[in-house]
Amino acid sequence: MKNFNEPDNIFFRMVIYLDSPANRIQRVLIGVTSAFILMTALAISEGLIQILDCGKNICIDRNDYALVFPIISLISLLLLSIMHFSRNKEHEDALLDKWISREKEDDMRSRLKQEQLEASGDSMGSGWSKMEKEHLEISLEEEE
């Protein structure tokens, strides 16, 4: 019997490593949103949140702290909808791309490795030598 939680398993690698951080956050937001919607429904049923105006002493049990549940629910629903509608946009073109990357993990790793190679000391050394060569040429021309 195969264990799907082993790192050697191809299914494990596909699920864990090929997923983008935005997809992971979306799954977390779905869980948080559903939990806070449930807590909002429970607070409404217990009378802690009044939807309509308060009648004769019905608002005695009203609790303003219970309004945190629908506020968090609305914020997470807003974030979920923004992430959902920005799926088909180009990378770094969506609203939340500055904070949450939508790149696949493999693409992100290859891009970061490429940036690391471009910023390595070899290319910087050649840049410094070119700049120093130009500076020496200019100083030699000024001396003549």
Protein backbone atom coordinates (compact mmCIF):
# COMPACT_ATOMS: atom_id res chain seq x y z
CA MET A 1 0.00 0.00 0.00
CA LYS A 2 1.41 3.38 -1.03
CA ASN A 3 1.72 6.24 1.39
CA PHE A 4 0.75 9.51 -0.31
CA ASN A 5 2.48 11.63 2.33
CA GLU A 6 6.00 10.51 1.46
CA PRO A 7 8.19 13.07 -0.31
CA ASP A 8 9.25 10.38 -2.83
CA ASN A 9 5.70 10.02 -4.05
CA ILE A 10 4.94 11.88 -7.30
CA PHE A 11 1.45 12.82 -6.10
CA PHE A 12 2.93 14.46 -2.99
CA ARG A 13 5.37 16.46 -5.10
CA MET A 14 2.68 17.60 -7.53
CA VAL A 15 0.34 18.81 -4.81
CA ILE A 16 2.89 20.43 -2.52
CA TYR A 17 5.53 21.83 -4.84
CA LEU A 18 3.64 22.85 -7.96
CA ASP A 19 1.05 24.93 -6.17
CA SER A 20 1.34 28.70 -6.07
CA PRO A 21 1.29 30.67 -2.82
CA ALA A 22 -1.90 32.40 -3.97
CA ASN A 23 -3.69 29.06 -4.28
CA ARG A 24 -2.56 28.07 -0.79
CA ILE A 25 -3.80 31.36 0.66
CA GLN A 26 -7.07 30.96 -1.21
CA ARG A 27 -7.67 27.60 0.46
CA VAL A 28 -6.90 29.10 3.88
CA LEU A 29 -9.24 32.02 3.17
CA ILE A 30 -12.04 29.63 2.21
CA GLY A 31 -11.70 27.90 5.58
CA VAL A 32 -11.51 31.17 7.53
CA THR A 33 -14.46 32.65 5.65
CA SER A 34 -16.67 29.62 6.17
CA ALA A 35 -15.81 29.52 9.89
CA PHE A 36 -16.59 33.21 10.38
CA ILE A 37 -19.81 32.97 8.38
CA LEU A 38 -20.87 30.12 10.66
CA MET A 39 -19.99 32.18 13.75
CA THR A 40 -21.95 35.13 12.32
CA ALA A 41 -24.99 32.91 11.77
CA LEU A 42 -24.71 31.60 15.34
CA ALA A 43 -24.40 35.14 16.72
CA ILE A 44 -27.51 36.18 14.78
CA SER A 45 -29.46 33.16 16.03
CA GLU A 46 -28.42 33.86 19.62
CA GLY A 47 -29.48 37.49 19.32
CA LEU A 48 -25.98 38.95 19.72
CA ILE A 49 -26.26 40.63 16.31
CA GLN A 50 -29.51 42.41 15.44
CA ILE A 51 -30.27 42.72 11.75
CA LEU A 52 -33.45 44.75 12.09
CA ASP A 53 -34.23 47.54 14.56
CA CYS A 54 -34.47 46.62 18.19
CA GLY A 55 -37.98 46.35 19.55
CA LYS A 56 -39.12 46.43 23.15
CA ASN A 57 -36.05 45.42 25.18
CA ILE A 58 -35.02 42.82 22.59
CA CYS A 59 -31.53 44.33 22.28
CA ILE A 60 -30.57 43.61 25.87
CA ASP A 61 -28.36 40.72 24.81
CA ARG A 62 -26.82 42.71 21.97
CA ASN A 63 -23.02 42.58 21.88
CA ASP A 64 -21.00 44.98 19.71
CA TYR A 65 -17.99 42.67 19.82
CA ALA A 66 -19.98 40.08 17.87
CA LEU A 67 -19.83 42.41 14.85
CA VAL A 68 -16.21 41.32 14.40
CA PHE A 69 -17.44 38.05 12.87
CA PRO A 70 -19.32 39.55 9.91
CA ILE A 71 -16.61 42.18 9.38
CA ILE A 72 -13.89 39.51 9.09
CA SER A 73 -16.22 37.45 6.89
CA LEU A 74 -16.74 40.37 4.52
CA ILE A 75 -13.04 41.21 4.37
CA SER A 76 -12.07 37.62 3.61
CA LEU A 77 -14.87 37.34 1.01
CA LEU A 78 -13.53 40.51 -0.62
CA LEU A 79 -9.99 39.09 -0.69
CA LEU A 80 -11.27 35.79 -2.09
CA SER A 81 -13.18 37.52 -4.86
CA ILE A 82 -10.17 39.70 -5.77
CA MET A 83 -7.95 36.63 -5.95
CA HIS A 84 -10.53 34.70 -7.96
CA PHE A 85 -11.05 37.39 -10.58
CA SER A 86 -7.32 38.07 -10.95
CA ARG A 87 -6.51 34.45 -11.87
CA ASN A 88 -6.39 35.02 -15.62
CA LYS A 89 -4.39 38.24 -15.51
CA GLU A 90 -0.71 38.42 -16.31
CA HIS A 91 1.77 38.03 -13.49
CA GLU A 92 2.35 41.26 -11.52
CA ASP A 93 -0.72 42.79 -13.18
CA ALA A 94 -3.26 41.98 -10.47
CA LEU A 95 -4.02 43.97 -7.34
CA LEU A 96 -2.55 41.59 -4.75
CA ASP A 97 0.52 40.47 -6.74
CA LYS A 98 2.80 42.73 -4.71
CA TRP A 99 2.03 40.72 -1.58
CA ILE A 100 0.91 37.30 -2.81
CA SER A 101 2.64 35.62 -5.72
CA ARG A 102 0.49 33.77 -8.26
CA GLU A 103 3.51 32.12 -9.92
CA LYS A 104 3.89 28.37 -9.78
CA GLU A 105 6.62 27.32 -7.40
CA ASP A 106 8.82 25.87 -10.17
CA ASP A 107 8.54 29.05 -12.24
CA MET A 108 9.33 31.16 -9.19
CA ARG A 109 12.40 29.07 -8.35
CA SER A 110 13.75 29.27 -11.89
CA ARG A 111 13.13 33.04 -12.02
CA LEU A 112 14.85 33.57 -8.67
CA LYS A 113 17.82 31.42 -9.72
CA GLN A 114 18.12 33.45 -12.92
CA GLU A 115 18.02 36.71 -10.94
CA GLN A 116 20.62 35.31 -8.57
CA LEU A 117 22.91 34.41 -11.46
CA GLU A 118 22.49 37.87 -12.96
CA ALA A 119 23.35 39.49 -9.64
CA SER A 120 26.35 37.23 -8.95
CA GLY A 121 29.83 38.60 -8.45
CA ASP A 122 31.08 37.54 -11.91
CA SER A 123 28.94 39.96 -13.82
CA MET A 124 29.53 42.64 -11.22
CA GLY A 125 33.30 42.16 -11.51
CA SER A 126 33.21 42.59 -15.27
CA GLY A 127 31.04 45.68 -14.84
CA TRP A 128 33.53 47.14 -12.40
CA SER A 129 36.43 46.37 -14.71
CA LYS A 130 34.67 48.06 -17.65
CA MET A 131 33.93 51.12 -15.56
CA GLU A 132 37.50 51.23 -14.26
CA LYS A 133 38.86 50.87 -17.81
CA GLU A 134 36.71 53.78 -19.02
CA HIS A 135 37.78 55.88 -16.05
CA LEU A 136 41.48 55.14 -16.72
CA GLU A 137 41.07 56.00 -20.41
CA ILE A 138 39.46 59.31 -19.53
CA SER A 139 42.14 60.15 -16.99
CA LEU A 140 44.91 59.25 -19.49
CA GLU A 141 43.34 61.50 -22.14
CA GLU A 142 43.17 64.36 -19.63
CA GLU A 143 46.87 63.96 -18.76
CA GLU A 144 47.93 64.13 -22.39
